[in-house]
């Protein structure tokens, strides 16, 4: 039996995933939301945000609540239109450091679902 995930070079991630990560890291809410389907969902910290307006409010809060840096530490291709990116965060949030997995599902070239969890 083989593992369904395949590690690969992060430069091979789909452009939409790279654009989302760059926009999120730069606190650019309009650019990040432009990578999402109209009915996208994001799950972060156990809460789910549905649709662009709710996700934009979450993005605005998530990108301004704490100061932090991110370092990409891994990327995997989980299956058709599914990718996981692992980033190491260091900042002034509780605990100060964490490795987060960003699990992306794509639909017609846009992000339809994103789950962020350790």
PDB file of N, CA and C in Angstrom:
ATOM      1  N   UNK A   1       0.842  -1.168   0.000  1.00  0.00           N
ATOM      2  CA  UNK A   1       0.000   0.000   0.000  1.00  0.00           C
ATOM      3  C   UNK A   1       0.891   1.237   0.000  1.00  0.00           C
ATOM      4  N   UNK A   2       0.542   2.257  -0.793  1.00  0.00           N
ATOM      5  CA  UNK A   2       1.346   3.459  -0.878  1.00  0.00           C
ATOM      6  C   UNK A   2       0.624   4.622  -0.215  1.00  0.00           C
ATOM      7  N   UNK A   3       1.409   5.590   0.230  1.00  0.00           N
ATOM      8  CA  UNK A   3       0.864   6.799   0.834  1.00  0.00           C
ATOM      9  C   UNK A   3       0.226   7.649  -0.260  1.00  0.00           C
ATOM     10  N   UNK A   4      -0.943   8.215   0.003  1.00  0.00           N
ATOM     11  CA  UNK A   4      -1.664   9.003  -0.995  1.00  0.00           C
ATOM     12  C   UNK A   4      -1.068  10.397  -1.165  1.00  0.00           C
ATOM     13  N   UNK A   5      -0.266  10.860  -0.211  1.00  0.00           N
ATOM     14  CA  UNK A   5       0.335  12.175  -0.336  1.00  0.00           C
ATOM     15  C   UNK A   5       1.716  12.055  -0.936  1.00  0.00           C
ATOM     16  N   UNK A   6       2.076  13.045  -1.725  1.00  0.00           N
ATOM     17  CA  UNK A   6       3.372  13.053  -2.374  1.00  0.00           C
ATOM     18  C   UNK A   6       4.067  14.372  -2.074  1.00  0.00           C
ATOM     19  N   UNK A   7       5.178  14.340  -1.318  1.00  0.00           N
ATOM     20  CA  UNK A   7       5.924  15.581  -1.105  1.00  0.00           C
ATOM     21  C   UNK A   7       6.490  16.066  -2.440  1.00  0.00           C
ATOM     22  N   UNK A   8       6.502  17.381  -2.617  1.00  0.00           N
ATOM     23  CA  UNK A   8       7.099  17.926  -3.825  1.00  0.00           C
ATOM     24  C   UNK A   8       7.576  19.340  -3.557  1.00  0.00           C
ATOM     25  N   UNK A   9       8.315  19.870  -4.489  1.00  0.00           N
ATOM     26  CA  UNK A   9       8.881  21.206  -4.364  1.00  0.00           C
ATOM     27  C   UNK A   9       7.758  22.235  -4.326  1.00  0.00           C
ATOM     28  N   UNK A  10       7.817  23.148  -3.381  1.00  0.00           N
ATOM     29  CA  UNK A  10       6.770  24.155  -3.222  1.00  0.00           C
ATOM     30  C   UNK A  10       6.636  25.046  -4.450  1.00  0.00           C
ATOM     31  N   UNK A  11       7.692  25.136  -5.254  1.00  0.00           N
ATOM     32  CA  UNK A  11       7.573  25.943  -6.476  1.00  0.00           C
ATOM     33  C   UNK A  11       6.613  25.302  -7.461  1.00  0.00           C
ATOM     34  N   UNK A  12       6.277  24.022  -7.270  1.00  0.00           N
ATOM     35  CA  UNK A  12       5.337  23.331  -8.144  1.00  0.00           C
ATOM     36  C   UNK A  12       3.885  23.469  -7.686  1.00  0.00           C
ATOM     37  N   UNK A  13       3.649  24.184  -6.585  1.00  0.00           N
ATOM     38  CA  UNK A  13       2.277  24.406  -6.150  1.00  0.00           C
ATOM     39  C   UNK A  13       1.513  25.177  -7.220  1.00  0.00           C
ATOM     40  N   UNK A  14       0.210  24.962  -7.306  1.00  0.00           N
ATOM     41  CA  UNK A  14      -0.584  25.749  -8.252  1.00  0.00           C
ATOM     42  C   UNK A  14      -0.446  27.240  -7.954  1.00  0.00           C
ATOM     43  N   UNK A  15      -0.487  28.040  -8.990  1.00  0.00           N
ATOM     44  CA  UNK A  15      -0.338  29.481  -8.856  1.00  0.00           C
ATOM     45  C   UNK A  15      -1.337  30.062  -7.853  1.00  0.00           C
ATOM     46  N   UNK A  16      -2.570  29.585  -7.857  1.00  0.00           N
ATOM     47  CA  UNK A  16      -3.591  30.136  -6.965  1.00  0.00           C
ATOM     48  C   UNK A  16      -3.222  29.912  -5.496  1.00  0.00           C
ATOM     49  N   UNK A  17      -2.603  28.803  -5.172  1.00  0.00           N
ATOM     50  CA  UNK A  17      -2.170  28.534  -3.800  1.00  0.00           C
ATOM     51  C   UNK A  17      -1.022  29.472  -3.436  1.00  0.00           C
ATOM     52  N   UNK A  18      -0.067  29.639  -4.332  1.00  0.00           N
ATOM     53  CA  UNK A  18       1.051  30.547  -4.075  1.00  0.00           C
ATOM     54  C   UNK A  18       0.551  31.982  -3.921  1.00  0.00           C
ATOM     55  N   UNK A  19      -0.411  32.400  -4.742  1.00  0.00           N
ATOM     56  CA  UNK A  19      -0.955  33.760  -4.630  1.00  0.00           C
ATOM     57  C   UNK A  19      -1.681  33.950  -3.301  1.00  0.00           C
ATOM     58  N   UNK A  20      -2.459  32.935  -2.873  1.00  0.00           N
ATOM     59  CA  UNK A  20      -3.150  33.030  -1.593  1.00  0.00           C
ATOM     60  C   UNK A  20      -2.145  33.175  -0.444  1.00  0.00           C
ATOM     61  N   UNK A  21      -1.147  32.312  -0.407  1.00  0.00           N
ATOM     62  CA  UNK A  21      -0.174  32.347   0.683  1.00  0.00           C
ATOM     63  C   UNK A  21       0.569  33.677   0.719  1.00  0.00           C
ATOM     64  N   UNK A  22       0.956  34.173  -0.442  1.00  0.00           N
ATOM     65  CA  UNK A  22       1.656  35.459  -0.506  1.00  0.00           C
ATOM     66  C   UNK A  22       0.737  36.579   0.007  1.00  0.00           C
ATOM     67  N   UNK A  23      -0.514  36.591  -0.446  1.00  0.00           N
ATOM     68  CA  UNK A  23      -1.455  37.635  -0.011  1.00  0.00           C
ATOM     69  C   UNK A  23      -1.728  37.544   1.484  1.00  0.00           C
ATOM     70  N   UNK A  24      -1.911  36.327   1.995  1.00  0.00           N
ATOM     71  CA  UNK A  24      -2.157  36.147   3.431  1.00  0.00           C
ATOM     72  C   UNK A  24      -0.962  36.659   4.235  1.00  0.00           C
ATOM     73  N   UNK A  25       0.239  36.288   3.824  1.00  0.00           N
ATOM     74  CA  UNK A  25       1.448  36.709   4.538  1.00  0.00           C
ATOM     75  C   UNK A  25       1.675  38.216   4.457  1.00  0.00           C
ATOM     76  N   UNK A  26       1.189  38.846   3.368  1.00  0.00           N
ATOM     77  CA  UNK A  26       1.352  40.296   3.191  1.00  0.00           C
ATOM     78  C   UNK A  26       0.155  41.070   3.732  1.00  0.00           C
ATOM     79  N   UNK A  27      -0.797  40.362   4.357  1.00  0.00           N
ATOM     80  CA  UNK A  27      -2.000  40.985   4.931  1.00  0.00           C
ATOM     81  C   UNK A  27      -2.825  41.702   3.863  1.00  0.00           C
ATOM     82  N   UNK A  28      -2.850  41.157   2.648  1.00  0.00           N
ATOM     83  CA  UNK A  28      -3.591  41.729   1.518  1.00  0.00           C
ATOM     84  C   UNK A  28      -4.908  40.970   1.356  1.00  0.00           C
ATOM     85  N   UNK A  29      -5.927  41.408   2.091  1.00  0.00           N
ATOM     86  CA  UNK A  29      -7.214  40.715   2.110  1.00  0.00           C
ATOM     87  C   UNK A  29      -7.854  40.655   0.723  1.00  0.00           C
ATOM     88  N   UNK A  30      -7.906  41.753  -0.049  1.00  0.00           N
ATOM     89  CA  UNK A  30      -8.522  41.661  -1.382  1.00  0.00           C
ATOM     90  C   UNK A  30      -7.821  40.651  -2.301  1.00  0.00           C
ATOM     91  N   UNK A  31      -6.491  40.621  -2.267  1.00  0.00           N
ATOM     92  CA  UNK A  31      -5.760  39.672  -3.118  1.00  0.00           C
ATOM     93  C   UNK A  31      -6.002  38.240  -2.663  1.00  0.00           C
ATOM     94  N   UNK A  32      -6.055  38.009  -1.346  1.00  0.00           N
ATOM     95  CA  UNK A  32      -6.320  36.657  -0.842  1.00  0.00           C
ATOM     96  C   UNK A  32      -7.722  36.208  -1.218  1.00  0.00           C
ATOM     97  N   UNK A  33      -8.712  37.069  -1.037  1.00  0.00           N
ATOM     98  CA  UNK A  33     -10.092  36.665  -1.334  1.00  0.00           C
ATOM     99  C   UNK A  33     -10.314  36.463  -2.832  1.00  0.00           C
ATOM    100  N   UNK A  34      -9.486  37.089  -3.676  1.00  0.00           N
ATOM    101  CA  UNK A  34      -9.610  36.908  -5.126  1.00  0.00           C
ATOM    102  C   UNK A  34      -9.221  35.494  -5.567  1.00  0.00           C
ATOM    103  N   UNK A  35      -8.586  34.734  -4.685  1.00  0.00           N
ATOM    104  CA  UNK A  35      -8.179  33.364  -5.027  1.00  0.00           C
ATOM    105  C   UNK A  35      -9.264  32.337  -4.668  1.00  0.00           C
ATOM    106  N   UNK A  36     -10.383  32.793  -4.097  1.00  0.00           N
ATOM    107  CA  UNK A  36     -11.412  31.897  -3.563  1.00  0.00           C
ATOM    108  C   UNK A  36     -12.634  31.805  -4.470  1.00  0.00           C
ATOM    109  N   UNK A  37     -13.294  30.650  -4.438  1.00  0.00           N
ATOM    110  CA  UNK A  37     -14.583  30.515  -5.112  1.00  0.00           C
ATOM    111  C   UNK A  37     -15.611  31.321  -4.320  1.00  0.00           C
ATOM    112  N   UNK A  38     -16.710  31.753  -4.945  1.00  0.00           N
ATOM    113  CA  UNK A  38     -17.722  32.537  -4.221  1.00  0.00           C
ATOM    114  C   UNK A  38     -18.296  31.820  -3.001  1.00  0.00           C
ATOM    115  N   UNK A  39     -18.361  30.497  -3.046  1.00  0.00           N
ATOM    116  CA  UNK A  39     -18.933  29.738  -1.929  1.00  0.00           C
ATOM    117  C   UNK A  39     -17.855  29.022  -1.104  1.00  0.00           C
ATOM    118  N   UNK A  40     -16.653  29.545  -1.121  1.00  0.00           N
ATOM    119  CA  UNK A  40     -15.534  28.926  -0.406  1.00  0.00           C
ATOM    120  C   UNK A  40     -15.797  28.863   1.093  1.00  0.00           C
ATOM    121  N   UNK A  41     -15.116  27.912   1.731  1.00  0.00           N
ATOM    122  CA  UNK A  41     -15.133  27.824   3.189  1.00  0.00           C
ATOM    123  C   UNK A  41     -13.698  27.758   3.696  1.00  0.00           C
ATOM    124  N   UNK A  42     -13.490  28.362   4.858  1.00  0.00           N
ATOM    125  CA  UNK A  42     -12.203  28.295   5.539  1.00  0.00           C
ATOM    126  C   UNK A  42     -12.471  27.835   6.962  1.00  0.00           C
ATOM    127  N   UNK A  43     -11.701  26.859   7.403  1.00  0.00           N
ATOM    128  CA  UNK A  43     -11.767  26.410   8.785  1.00  0.00           C
ATOM    129  C   UNK A  43     -10.426  26.704   9.427  1.00  0.00           C
ATOM    130  N   UNK A  44     -10.473  27.478  10.511  1.00  0.00           N
ATOM    131  CA  UNK A  44      -9.264  27.867  11.223  1.00  0.00           C
ATOM    132  C   UNK A  44      -9.588  27.914  12.710  1.00  0.00           C
ATOM    133  N   UNK A  45      -8.727  27.335  13.503  1.00  0.00           N
ATOM    134  CA  UNK A  45      -8.881  27.366  14.950  1.00  0.00           C
ATOM    135  C   UNK A  45     -10.243  26.812  15.385  1.00  0.00           C
ATOM    136  N   UNK A  46     -10.717  25.799  14.653  1.00  0.00           N
ATOM    137  CA  UNK A  46     -11.964  25.129  14.993  1.00  0.00           C
ATOM    138  C   UNK A  46     -13.228  25.839  14.541  1.00  0.00           C
ATOM    139  N   UNK A  47     -13.107  26.975  13.876  1.00  0.00           N
ATOM    140  CA  UNK A  47     -14.280  27.712  13.399  1.00  0.00           C
ATOM    141  C   UNK A  47     -14.293  27.718  11.879  1.00  0.00           C
ATOM    142  N   UNK A  48     -15.495  27.630  11.303  1.00  0.00           N
ATOM    143  CA  UNK A  48     -15.636  27.617   9.853  1.00  0.00           C
ATOM    144  C   UNK A  48     -16.287  28.913   9.382  1.00  0.00           C
ATOM    145  N   UNK A  49     -15.715  29.480   8.328  1.00  0.00           N
ATOM    146  CA  UNK A  49     -16.190  30.723   7.729  1.00  0.00           C
ATOM    147  C   UNK A  49     -16.646  30.379   6.308  1.00  0.00           C
ATOM    148  N   UNK A  50     -17.877  30.749   5.986  1.00  0.00           N
ATOM    149  CA  UNK A  50     -18.460  30.380   4.695  1.00  0.00           C
ATOM    150  C   UNK A  50     -18.757  31.624   3.868  1.00  0.00           C
ATOM    151  N   UNK A  51     -18.290  31.606   2.613  1.00  0.00           N
ATOM    152  CA  UNK A  51     -18.543  32.709   1.693  1.00  0.00           C
ATOM    153  C   UNK A  51     -17.511  33.813   1.824  1.00  0.00           C
ATOM    154  N   UNK A  52     -17.355  34.582   0.757  1.00  0.00           N
ATOM    155  CA  UNK A  52     -16.334  35.623   0.682  1.00  0.00           C
ATOM    156  C   UNK A  52     -16.454  36.667   1.805  1.00  0.00           C
ATOM    157  N   UNK A  53     -17.645  37.225   2.092  1.00  0.00           N
ATOM    158  CA  UNK A  53     -17.702  38.248   3.147  1.00  0.00           C
ATOM    159  C   UNK A  53     -17.217  37.736   4.509  1.00  0.00           C
ATOM    160  N   UNK A  54     -17.635  36.555   4.908  1.00  0.00           N
ATOM    161  CA  UNK A  54     -17.204  35.995   6.199  1.00  0.00           C
ATOM    162  C   UNK A  54     -15.712  35.697   6.189  1.00  0.00           C
ATOM    163  N   UNK A  55     -15.204  35.196   5.069  1.00  0.00           N
ATOM    164  CA  UNK A  55     -13.769  34.886   4.978  1.00  0.00           C
ATOM    165  C   UNK A  55     -12.947  36.177   5.005  1.00  0.00           C
ATOM    166  N   UNK A  56     -13.424  37.226   4.338  1.00  0.00           N
ATOM    167  CA  UNK A  56     -12.697  38.499   4.380  1.00  0.00           C
ATOM    168  C   UNK A  56     -12.637  39.062   5.798  1.00  0.00           C
ATOM    169  N   UNK A  57     -13.724  38.948   6.560  1.00  0.00           N
ATOM    170  CA  UNK A  57     -13.691  39.415   7.949  1.00  0.00           C
ATOM    171  C   UNK A  57     -12.677  38.600   8.757  1.00  0.00           C
ATOM    172  N   UNK A  58     -12.677  37.270   8.541  1.00  0.00           N
ATOM    173  CA  UNK A  58     -11.712  36.414   9.225  1.00  0.00           C
ATOM    174  C   UNK A  58     -10.279  36.790   8.822  1.00  0.00           C
ATOM    175  N   UNK A  59     -10.045  36.964   7.529  1.00  0.00           N
ATOM    176  CA  UNK A  59      -8.709  37.322   7.048  1.00  0.00           C
ATOM    177  C   UNK A  59      -8.241  38.632   7.664  1.00  0.00           C
ATOM    178  N   UNK A  60      -9.126  39.613   7.698  1.00  0.00           N
ATOM    179  CA  UNK A  60      -8.769  40.913   8.251  1.00  0.00           C
ATOM    180  C   UNK A  60      -8.354  40.773   9.713  1.00  0.00           C
ATOM    181  N   UNK A  61      -9.126  40.000  10.469  1.00  0.00           N
ATOM    182  CA  UNK A  61      -8.807  39.782  11.881  1.00  0.00           C
ATOM    183  C   UNK A  61      -7.541  38.937  12.025  1.00  0.00           C
ATOM    184  N   UNK A  62      -7.462  37.837  11.259  1.00  0.00           N
ATOM    185  CA  UNK A  62      -6.345  36.895  11.395  1.00  0.00           C
ATOM    186  C   UNK A  62      -5.008  37.528  11.020  1.00  0.00           C
ATOM    187  N   UNK A  63      -5.016  38.426  10.057  1.00  0.00           N
ATOM    188  CA  UNK A  63      -3.755  39.018   9.618  1.00  0.00           C
ATOM    189  C   UNK A  63      -3.348  40.235  10.426  1.00  0.00           C
ATOM    190  N   UNK A  64      -4.255  40.762  11.268  1.00  0.00           N
ATOM    191  CA  UNK A  64      -3.915  41.955  12.035  1.00  0.00           C
ATOM    192  C   UNK A  64      -3.857  41.717  13.547  1.00  0.00           C
ATOM    193  N   UNK A  65      -4.345  40.573  13.998  1.00  0.00           N
ATOM    194  CA  UNK A  65      -4.415  40.310  15.431  1.00  0.00           C
ATOM    195  C   UNK A  65      -3.030  40.157  16.068  1.00  0.00           C
ATOM    196  N   UNK A  66      -2.105  39.518  15.355  1.00  0.00           N
ATOM    197  CA  UNK A  66      -0.767  39.264  15.882  1.00  0.00           C
ATOM    198  C   UNK A  66       0.269  39.638  14.834  1.00  0.00           C
ATOM    199  N   UNK A  67       1.492  39.838  15.292  1.00  0.00           N
ATOM    200  CA  UNK A  67       2.618  40.044  14.397  1.00  0.00           C
ATOM    201  C   UNK A  67       3.397  38.733  14.359  1.00  0.00           C
ATOM    202  N   UNK A  68       3.689  38.255  13.149  1.00  0.00           N
ATOM    203  CA  UNK A  68       4.376  36.976  13.029  1.00  0.00           C
ATOM    204  C   UNK A  68       5.104  36.882  11.699  1.00  0.00           C
ATOM    205  N   UNK A  69       6.034  35.961  11.648  1.00  0.00           N
ATOM    206  CA  UNK A  69       6.723  35.642  10.403  1.00  0.00           C
ATOM    207  C   UNK A  69       6.392  34.199  10.043  1.00  0.00           C
ATOM    208  N   UNK A  70       6.434  33.900   8.757  1.00  0.00           N
ATOM    209  CA  UNK A  70       6.170  32.536   8.301  1.00  0.00           C
ATOM    210  C   UNK A  70       7.344  32.032   7.484  1.00  0.00           C
ATOM    211  N   UNK A  71       7.594  30.738   7.637  1.00  0.00           N
ATOM    212  CA  UNK A  71       8.613  30.055   6.846  1.00  0.00           C
ATOM    213  C   UNK A  71       7.984  28.790   6.283  1.00  0.00           C
ATOM    214  N   UNK A  72       7.998  28.666   4.977  1.00  0.00           N
ATOM    215  CA  UNK A  72       7.483  27.464   4.326  1.00  0.00           C
ATOM    216  C   UNK A  72       8.414  26.299   4.639  1.00  0.00           C
ATOM    217  N   UNK A  73       7.862  25.222   5.200  1.00  0.00           N
ATOM    218  CA  UNK A  73       8.721  24.080   5.537  1.00  0.00           C
ATOM    219  C   UNK A  73       8.351  22.809   4.781  1.00  0.00           C
ATOM    220  N   UNK A  74       7.231  22.834   4.037  1.00  0.00           N
ATOM    221  CA  UNK A  74       6.898  21.643   3.270  1.00  0.00           C
ATOM    222  C   UNK A  74       5.654  21.825   2.432  1.00  0.00           C
ATOM    223  N   UNK A  75       5.541  20.997   1.416  1.00  0.00           N
ATOM    224  CA  UNK A  75       4.367  21.000   0.549  1.00  0.00           C
ATOM    225  C   UNK A  75       4.120  19.580   0.073  1.00  0.00           C
ATOM    226  N   UNK A  76       2.839  19.216  -0.024  1.00  0.00           N
ATOM    227  CA  UNK A  76       2.455  17.881  -0.489  1.00  0.00           C
ATOM    228  C   UNK A  76       1.296  17.993  -1.462  1.00  0.00           C
ATOM    229  N   UNK A  77       1.297  17.084  -2.411  1.00  0.00           N
ATOM    230  CA  UNK A  77       0.168  16.936  -3.327  1.00  0.00           C
ATOM    231  C   UNK A  77      -0.649  15.771  -2.793  1.00  0.00           C
ATOM    232  N   UNK A  78      -1.853  16.057  -2.296  1.00  0.00           N
ATOM    233  CA  UNK A  78      -2.667  15.055  -1.614  1.00  0.00           C
ATOM    234  C   UNK A  78      -3.607  14.295  -2.538  1.00  0.00           C
ATOM    235  N   UNK A  79      -3.723  14.716  -3.770  1.00  0.00           N
ATOM    236  CA  UNK A  79      -4.643  14.094  -4.719  1.00  0.00           C
ATOM    237  C   UNK A  79      -5.091  15.139  -5.715  1.00  0.00           C
ATOM    238  N   UNK A  80      -5.982  14.767  -6.617  1.00  0.00           N
ATOM    239  CA  UNK A  80      -6.449  15.740  -7.604  1.00  0.00           C
ATOM    240  C   UNK A  80      -6.980  17.010  -6.923  1.00  0.00           C
ATOM    241  N   UNK A  81      -6.396  18.133  -7.270  1.00  0.00           N
ATOM    242  CA  UNK A  81      -6.828  19.439  -6.769  1.00  0.00           C
ATOM    243  C   UNK A  81      -6.774  19.565  -5.246  1.00  0.00           C
ATOM    244  N   UNK A  82      -5.868  18.828  -4.604  1.00  0.00           N
ATOM    245  CA  UNK A  82      -5.717  18.905  -3.139  1.00  0.00           C
ATOM    246  C   UNK A  82      -4.228  19.008  -2.793  1.00  0.00           C
ATOM    247  N   UNK A  83      -3.938  20.003  -1.962  1.00  0.00           N
ATOM    248  CA  UNK A  83      -2.555  20.284  -1.597  1.00  0.00           C
ATOM    249  C   UNK A  83      -2.480  20.654  -0.126  1.00  0.00           C
ATOM    250  N   UNK A  84      -1.370  20.296   0.509  1.00  0.00           N
ATOM    251  CA  UNK A  84      -1.108  20.712   1.883  1.00  0.00           C
ATOM    252  C   UNK A  84       0.220  21.440   1.915  1.00  0.00           C
ATOM    253  N   UNK A  85       0.206  22.621   2.531  1.00  0.00           N
ATOM    254  CA  UNK A  85       1.407  23.420   2.714  1.00  0.00           C
ATOM    255  C   UNK A  85       1.628  23.554   4.212  1.00  0.00           C
ATOM    256  N   UNK A  86       2.843  23.277   4.668  1.00  0.00           N
ATOM    257  CA  UNK A  86       3.167  23.421   6.078  1.00  0.00           C
ATOM    258  C   UNK A  86       4.064  24.637   6.241  1.00  0.00           C
ATOM    259  N   UNK A  87       3.646  25.517   7.158  1.00  0.00           N
ATOM    260  CA  UNK A  87       4.413  26.728   7.432  1.00  0.00           C
ATOM    261  C   UNK A  87       4.728  26.807   8.919  1.00  0.00           C
ATOM    262  N   UNK A  88       5.915  27.298   9.208  1.00  0.00           N
ATOM    263  CA  UNK A  88       6.337  27.531  10.585  1.00  0.00           C
ATOM    264  C   UNK A  88       6.093  29.007  10.878  1.00  0.00           C
ATOM    265  N   UNK A  89       5.332  29.303  11.932  1.00  0.00           N
ATOM    266  CA  UNK A  89       5.046  30.670  12.331  1.00  0.00           C
ATOM    267  C   UNK A  89       5.747  30.980  13.641  1.00  0.00           C
ATOM    268  N   UNK A  90       6.315  32.177  13.720  1.00  0.00           N
ATOM    269  CA  UNK A  90       6.899  32.690  14.959  1.00  0.00           C
ATOM    270  C   UNK A  90       6.380  34.099  15.147  1.00  0.00           C
ATOM    271  N   UNK A  91       5.896  34.390  16.374  1.00  0.00           N
ATOM    272  CA  UNK A  91       5.378  35.730  16.598  1.00  0.00           C
ATOM    273  C   UNK A  91       4.930  35.965  18.011  1.00  0.00           C
ATOM    274  N   UNK A  92       4.073  36.983  18.166  1.00  0.00           N
ATOM    275  CA  UNK A  92       3.625  37.393  19.492  1.00  0.00           C
ATOM    276  C   UNK A  92       2.267  36.788  19.871  1.00  0.00           C
ATOM    277  N   UNK A  93       1.886  35.706  19.232  1.00  0.00           N
ATOM    278  CA  UNK A  93       0.657  34.986  19.575  1.00  0.00           C
ATOM    279  C   UNK A  93       0.953  34.023  20.724  1.00  0.00           C
ATOM    280  N   UNK A  94      -0.085  33.535  21.414  1.00  0.00           N
ATOM    281  CA  UNK A  94       0.144  32.599  22.530  1.00  0.00           C
ATOM    282  C   UNK A  94       0.978  31.392  22.082  1.00  0.00           C
ATOM    283  N   UNK A  95       2.029  31.115  22.819  1.00  0.00           N
ATOM    284  CA  UNK A  95       2.924  30.007  22.483  1.00  0.00           C
ATOM    285  C   UNK A  95       4.120  30.438  21.667  1.00  0.00           C
ATOM    286  N   UNK A  96       3.977  31.483  20.852  1.00  0.00           N
ATOM    287  CA  UNK A  96       5.093  32.058  20.123  1.00  0.00           C
ATOM    288  C   UNK A  96       5.554  31.356  18.865  1.00  0.00           C
ATOM    289  N   UNK A  97       5.388  30.024  18.781  1.00  0.00           N
ATOM    290  CA  UNK A  97       5.765  29.285  17.571  1.00  0.00           C
ATOM    291  C   UNK A  97       4.757  28.176  17.329  1.00  0.00           C
ATOM    292  N   UNK A  98       4.531  27.881  16.057  1.00  0.00           N
ATOM    293  CA  UNK A  98       3.640  26.781  15.694  1.00  0.00           C
ATOM    294  C   UNK A  98       3.905  26.398  14.239  1.00  0.00           C
ATOM    295  N   UNK A  99       3.759  25.122  13.941  1.00  0.00           N
ATOM    296  CA  UNK A  99       3.759  24.653  12.560  1.00  0.00           C
ATOM    297  C   UNK A  99       2.305  24.413  12.176  1.00  0.00           C
ATOM    298  N   UNK A 100       1.851  25.111  11.132  1.00  0.00           N
ATOM    299  CA  UNK A 100       0.468  24.984  10.680  1.00  0.00           C
ATOM    300  C   UNK A 100       0.408  24.336   9.307  1.00  0.00           C
ATOM    301  N   UNK A 101      -0.584  23.470   9.139  1.00  0.00           N
ATOM    302  CA  UNK A 101      -0.845  22.842   7.842  1.00  0.00           C
ATOM    303  C   UNK A 101      -2.032  23.550   7.202  1.00  0.00           C
ATOM    304  N   UNK A 102      -1.817  24.033   6.008  1.00  0.00           N
ATOM    305  CA  UNK A 102      -2.855  24.682   5.211  1.00  0.00           C
ATOM    306  C   UNK A 102      -3.290  23.654   4.172  1.00  0.00           C
ATOM    307  N   UNK A 103      -4.487  23.104   4.341  1.00  0.00           N
ATOM    308  CA  UNK A 103      -4.998  22.071   3.426  1.00  0.00           C
ATOM    309  C   UNK A 103      -5.956  22.731   2.440  1.00  0.00           C
ATOM    310  N   UNK A 104      -5.549  22.757   1.174  1.00  0.00           N
ATOM    311  CA  UNK A 104      -6.299  23.420   0.113  1.00  0.00           C
ATOM    312  C   UNK A 104      -7.056  22.408  -0.745  1.00  0.00           C
ATOM    313  N   UNK A 105      -8.293  22.733  -1.076  1.00  0.00           N
ATOM    314  CA  UNK A 105      -9.056  22.011  -2.101  1.00  0.00           C
ATOM    315  C   UNK A 105      -9.391  23.040  -3.174  1.00  0.00           C
ATOM    316  N   UNK A 106      -9.108  22.691  -4.419  1.00  0.00           N
ATOM    317  CA  UNK A 106      -9.336  23.612  -5.528  1.00  0.00           C
ATOM    318  C   UNK A 106     -10.534  23.173  -6.356  1.00  0.00           C
ATOM    319  N   UNK A 107     -11.184  24.163  -6.952  1.00  0.00           N
ATOM    320  CA  UNK A 107     -12.297  23.914  -7.857  1.00  0.00           C
ATOM    321  C   UNK A 107     -12.170  24.895  -9.014  1.00  0.00           C
ATOM    322  N   UNK A 108     -11.935  24.370 -10.205  1.00  0.00           N
ATOM    323  CA  UNK A 108     -11.792  25.163 -11.420  1.00  0.00           C
ATOM    324  C   UNK A 108     -10.784  26.303 -11.252  1.00  0.00           C
ATOM    325  N   UNK A 109      -9.656  25.968 -10.652  1.00  0.00           N
ATOM    326  CA  UNK A 109      -8.556  26.914 -10.551  1.00  0.00           C
ATOM    327  C   UNK A 109      -8.626  27.896  -9.395  1.00  0.00           C
ATOM    328  N   UNK A 110      -9.635  27.769  -8.534  1.00  0.00           N
ATOM    329  CA  UNK A 110      -9.739  28.626  -7.359  1.00  0.00           C
ATOM    330  C   UNK A 110      -9.824  27.764  -6.100  1.00  0.00           C
ATOM    331  N   UNK A 111      -9.609  28.369  -4.961  1.00  0.00           N
ATOM    332  CA  UNK A 111      -9.655  27.643  -3.692  1.00  0.00           C
ATOM    333  C   UNK A 111     -11.105  27.547  -3.229  1.00  0.00           C
ATOM    334  N   UNK A 112     -11.579  26.325  -3.071  1.00  0.00           N
ATOM    335  CA  UNK A 112     -12.968  26.123  -2.625  1.00  0.00           C
ATOM    336  C   UNK A 112     -13.029  25.810  -1.132  1.00  0.00           C
ATOM    337  N   UNK A 113     -11.958  25.262  -0.591  1.00  0.00           N
ATOM    338  CA  UNK A 113     -11.926  24.974   0.835  1.00  0.00           C
ATOM    339  C   UNK A 113     -10.502  25.031   1.340  1.00  0.00           C
ATOM    340  N   UNK A 114     -10.352  25.612   2.532  1.00  0.00           N
ATOM    341  CA  UNK A 114      -9.047  25.704   3.179  1.00  0.00           C
ATOM    342  C   UNK A 114      -9.244  25.364   4.645  1.00  0.00           C
ATOM    343  N   UNK A 115      -8.439  24.432   5.125  1.00  0.00           N
ATOM    344  CA  UNK A 115      -8.424  24.098   6.550  1.00  0.00           C
ATOM    345  C   UNK A 115      -7.023  24.380   7.070  1.00  0.00           C
ATOM    346  N   UNK A 116      -6.952  25.167   8.151  1.00  0.00           N
ATOM    347  CA  UNK A 116      -5.675  25.513   8.763  1.00  0.00           C
ATOM    348  C   UNK A 116      -5.653  24.904  10.158  1.00  0.00           C
ATOM    349  N   UNK A 117      -4.662  24.066  10.418  1.00  0.00           N
ATOM    350  CA  UNK A 117      -4.572  23.392  11.718  1.00  0.00           C
ATOM    351  C   UNK A 117      -3.134  22.948  11.956  1.00  0.00           C
ATOM    352  N   UNK A 118      -2.775  22.769  13.249  1.00  0.00           N
ATOM    353  CA  UNK A 118      -1.430  22.254  13.537  1.00  0.00           C
ATOM    354  C   UNK A 118      -1.249  20.834  12.997  1.00  0.00           C
TER     355      UNK A 118
END
